[in-house]
């Protein structure tokens, strides 16, 4: 049931104009040292790509 609610919430957000392809992490995120060191922007992009694939989402936000 939790997955269905999550996907319905995401569908609503997409219907209201949200597009994960345009979601960006603030610059200051990459300027702060984490416990693992500095985080590179490409690392976050790669992580978002993996996240979308695992959720079954297309780049433009549609749930497959």
C-alpha atoms as a PDB file:
ATOM      1  CA  UNK A   1       0.000   0.000   0.000  1.00  0.00           C
ATOM      2  CA  UNK A   2       2.847   2.407   0.785  1.00  0.00           C
ATOM      3  CA  UNK A   3       4.238   2.099  -2.737  1.00  0.00           C
ATOM      4  CA  UNK A   4       0.832   2.851  -4.268  1.00  0.00           C
ATOM      5  CA  UNK A   5       0.484   5.989  -2.125  1.00  0.00           C
ATOM      6  CA  UNK A   6       4.022   7.110  -2.993  1.00  0.00           C
ATOM      7  CA  UNK A   7       3.403   6.615  -6.726  1.00  0.00           C
ATOM      8  CA  UNK A   8       0.052   8.403  -6.584  1.00  0.00           C
ATOM      9  CA  UNK A   9       1.696  11.344  -4.820  1.00  0.00           C
ATOM     10  CA  UNK A  10       4.381  11.415  -7.515  1.00  0.00           C
ATOM     11  CA  UNK A  11       1.751  11.315 -10.291  1.00  0.00           C
ATOM     12  CA  UNK A  12       0.033  14.302  -8.672  1.00  0.00           C
ATOM     13  CA  UNK A  13       3.315  16.234  -8.507  1.00  0.00           C
ATOM     14  CA  UNK A  14       4.014  15.484 -12.182  1.00  0.00           C
ATOM     15  CA  UNK A  15       0.503  16.621 -13.066  1.00  0.00           C
ATOM     16  CA  UNK A  16       1.228  19.902 -11.276  1.00  0.00           C
ATOM     17  CA  UNK A  17       4.405  20.460 -13.284  1.00  0.00           C
ATOM     18  CA  UNK A  18       7.122  18.719 -11.260  1.00  0.00           C
ATOM     19  CA  UNK A  19       9.863  17.224 -13.422  1.00  0.00           C
ATOM     20  CA  UNK A  20      12.649  15.235 -11.764  1.00  0.00           C
ATOM     21  CA  UNK A  21      14.860  16.067 -14.751  1.00  0.00           C
ATOM     22  CA  UNK A  22      14.837  19.700 -13.577  1.00  0.00           C
ATOM     23  CA  UNK A  23      15.360  18.968  -9.885  1.00  0.00           C
ATOM     24  CA  UNK A  24      18.722  20.349  -8.813  1.00  0.00           C
ATOM     25  CA  UNK A  25      20.745  20.148  -5.647  1.00  0.00           C
ATOM     26  CA  UNK A  26      21.823  23.560  -4.299  1.00  0.00           C
ATOM     27  CA  UNK A  27      25.460  24.530  -4.967  1.00  0.00           C
ATOM     28  CA  UNK A  28      26.190  24.773  -1.240  1.00  0.00           C
ATOM     29  CA  UNK A  29      25.531  21.021  -0.949  1.00  0.00           C
ATOM     30  CA  UNK A  30      28.730  20.410  -2.924  1.00  0.00           C
ATOM     31  CA  UNK A  31      30.700  22.955  -0.892  1.00  0.00           C
ATOM     32  CA  UNK A  32      30.156  21.196   2.443  1.00  0.00           C
ATOM     33  CA  UNK A  33      32.347  18.284   3.493  1.00  0.00           C
ATOM     34  CA  UNK A  34      30.370  15.160   4.343  1.00  0.00           C
ATOM     35  CA  UNK A  35      31.570  12.355   6.591  1.00  0.00           C
ATOM     36  CA  UNK A  36      32.820  10.665   3.403  1.00  0.00           C
ATOM     37  CA  UNK A  37      34.478  13.779   1.986  1.00  0.00           C
ATOM     38  CA  UNK A  38      33.356  16.120  -0.760  1.00  0.00           C
ATOM     39  CA  UNK A  39      30.462  15.026  -2.953  1.00  0.00           C
ATOM     40  CA  UNK A  40      30.792  15.641  -6.682  1.00  0.00           C
ATOM     41  CA  UNK A  41      27.813  16.828  -8.765  1.00  0.00           C
ATOM     42  CA  UNK A  42      28.254  13.887 -11.155  1.00  0.00           C
ATOM     43  CA  UNK A  43      27.892  11.471  -8.227  1.00  0.00           C
ATOM     44  CA  UNK A  44      24.501  12.966  -7.375  1.00  0.00           C
ATOM     45  CA  UNK A  45      23.407  12.840 -11.030  1.00  0.00           C
ATOM     46  CA  UNK A  46      24.402   9.169 -11.177  1.00  0.00           C
ATOM     47  CA  UNK A  47      22.507   8.482  -7.953  1.00  0.00           C
ATOM     48  CA  UNK A  48      19.371  10.198  -9.292  1.00  0.00           C
ATOM     49  CA  UNK A  49      19.589   8.126 -12.482  1.00  0.00           C
ATOM     50  CA  UNK A  50      19.804   4.902 -10.472  1.00  0.00           C
ATOM     51  CA  UNK A  51      16.920   6.062  -8.267  1.00  0.00           C
ATOM     52  CA  UNK A  52      14.684   6.764 -11.280  1.00  0.00           C
ATOM     53  CA  UNK A  53      15.530   3.384 -12.807  1.00  0.00           C
ATOM     54  CA  UNK A  54      14.804   1.494  -9.581  1.00  0.00           C
ATOM     55  CA  UNK A  55      11.485   3.342  -9.114  1.00  0.00           C
ATOM     56  CA  UNK A  56      10.553   2.622 -12.726  1.00  0.00           C
ATOM     57  CA  UNK A  57      10.276   6.293 -13.620  1.00  0.00           C
ATOM     58  CA  UNK A  58      10.970   7.816 -16.984  1.00  0.00           C
ATOM     59  CA  UNK A  59      13.134  10.932 -17.095  1.00  0.00           C
ATOM     60  CA  UNK A  60      10.102  13.182 -17.652  1.00  0.00           C
ATOM     61  CA  UNK A  61       8.440  11.951 -14.487  1.00  0.00           C
ATOM     62  CA  UNK A  62       5.912   9.381 -15.700  1.00  0.00           C
ATOM     63  CA  UNK A  63       5.558   6.257 -13.615  1.00  0.00           C
ATOM     64  CA  UNK A  64       5.918   3.190 -15.821  1.00  0.00           C
END
